[in-house]
Amino acid sequence: MHDPNVFENPMEFKPERYLKDGVIDSTVLDPESGAFGYGRRICPGRYFGIELLTLYVASLLAVYDIKPAKDDAGNPIPIKLEIDPSLLLIV
């Protein structure tokens, strides 16, 4: 993903490089699959790893009550949504 032969200006934040005519370009390498390698040396447990991570997150959400923190008076502290502009999310 940082190869200049694959992406022009690879270190520059350009989410539009993953789009083609306004939709996700399926010919571009998926960052999720890159975590597990490519070709002959791809991780044989990649599907298991993704499923296990999903199970861990689902278990945490099922078991714990996730609530906002409270101040000294016991009032909930409002949650501020702050999105890092360098974050790239592909759904």
Protein backbone atom coordinates (compact mmCIF):
# COMPACT_ATOMS: atom_id res chain seq x y z
CA MET A 1 0.00 0.00 0.00
CA HIS A 2 3.02 2.27 0.33
CA ASP A 3 4.54 1.24 -2.99
CA PRO A 4 4.89 4.22 -5.34
CA ASN A 5 4.63 1.79 -8.26
CA VAL A 6 1.09 0.91 -7.13
CA PHE A 7 -0.16 4.24 -5.73
CA GLU A 8 0.82 7.72 -6.82
CA ASN A 9 1.98 9.64 -3.72
CA PRO A 10 1.43 6.64 -1.40
CA MET A 11 2.22 8.52 1.83
CA GLU A 12 -0.38 11.21 1.09
CA PHE A 13 -3.93 10.85 2.49
CA LYS A 14 -6.10 10.40 -0.59
CA PRO A 15 -9.19 8.27 0.11
CA GLU A 16 -10.46 8.88 -3.41
CA ARG A 17 -7.78 6.51 -4.71
CA TYR A 18 -10.06 3.67 -3.58
CA LEU A 19 -13.00 4.97 -5.63
CA LYS A 20 -13.84 4.64 -9.28
CA ASP A 21 -16.85 6.56 -10.63
CA GLY A 22 -18.10 7.18 -7.08
CA VAL A 23 -18.05 3.53 -5.92
CA ILE A 24 -15.39 1.41 -4.25
CA ASP A 25 -12.92 0.10 -6.82
CA SER A 26 -12.62 -3.66 -6.25
CA THR A 27 -9.35 -3.82 -8.21
CA VAL A 28 -7.52 -1.87 -5.48
CA LEU A 29 -5.88 -4.01 -2.81
CA ASP A 30 -8.02 -4.33 0.31
CA PRO A 31 -6.15 -3.08 3.42
CA GLU A 32 -7.82 -5.80 5.51
CA SER A 33 -6.36 -8.57 3.38
CA GLY A 34 -2.97 -6.87 3.39
CA ALA A 35 -2.70 -7.52 7.11
CA PHE A 36 -2.59 -11.23 6.35
CA GLY A 37 -0.18 -11.14 3.43
CA TYR A 38 -0.60 -12.03 -0.24
CA GLY A 39 0.04 -14.86 -2.65
CA ARG A 40 1.75 -18.07 -1.59
CA ARG A 41 2.64 -16.71 1.82
CA ILE A 42 -0.85 -15.55 2.81
CA CYS A 43 -1.85 -16.47 6.36
CA PRO A 44 -3.81 -19.74 6.37
CA GLY A 45 -5.67 -18.65 9.50
CA ARG A 46 -6.88 -15.31 8.16
CA TYR A 47 -10.57 -16.23 8.16
CA PHE A 48 -10.31 -17.71 11.63
CA GLY A 49 -8.54 -14.57 12.86
CA ILE A 50 -11.22 -12.25 11.51
CA GLU A 51 -14.01 -14.41 12.95
CA LEU A 52 -12.26 -14.61 16.32
CA LEU A 53 -11.83 -10.85 16.48
CA THR A 54 -15.52 -10.42 15.65
CA LEU A 55 -16.40 -12.88 18.42
CA TYR A 56 -14.22 -10.99 20.93
CA VAL A 57 -15.87 -7.67 20.12
CA ALA A 58 -19.36 -9.20 20.26
CA SER A 59 -18.55 -10.82 23.63
CA LEU A 60 -17.32 -7.53 25.08
CA LEU A 61 -20.43 -5.72 23.90
CA ALA A 62 -22.69 -8.46 25.28
CA VAL A 63 -21.06 -8.70 28.72
CA TYR A 64 -20.23 -5.10 29.59
CA ASP A 65 -22.45 -2.05 29.90
CA ILE A 66 -20.62 0.66 28.05
CA LYS A 67 -21.71 4.01 29.46
CA PRO A 68 -20.27 7.52 29.54
CA ALA A 69 -17.99 8.41 32.43
CA LYS A 70 -19.42 10.41 35.34
CA ASP A 71 -18.11 13.62 36.84
CA ASP A 72 -17.65 14.26 40.59
CA ALA A 73 -21.36 15.07 41.00
CA GLY A 74 -22.38 11.79 39.38
CA ASN A 75 -23.60 13.36 36.16
CA PRO A 76 -22.67 11.69 32.87
CA ILE A 77 -19.91 13.45 30.97
CA PRO A 78 -21.09 14.13 27.40
CA ILE A 79 -19.24 12.15 24.78
CA LYS A 80 -17.56 14.22 22.08
CA LEU A 81 -17.21 12.51 18.72
CA GLU A 82 -13.78 13.33 17.37
CA ILE A 83 -12.83 11.77 14.06
CA ASP A 84 -9.19 11.65 13.08
CA PRO A 85 -9.01 13.08 9.54
CA SER A 86 -6.27 10.60 8.66
CA LEU A 87 -8.61 7.65 9.35
CA LEU A 88 -9.71 5.75 6.27
CA LEU A 89 -12.74 3.51 6.65
CA ILE A 90 -13.79 1.19 3.86
CA VAL A 91 -17.11 -0.53 4.40
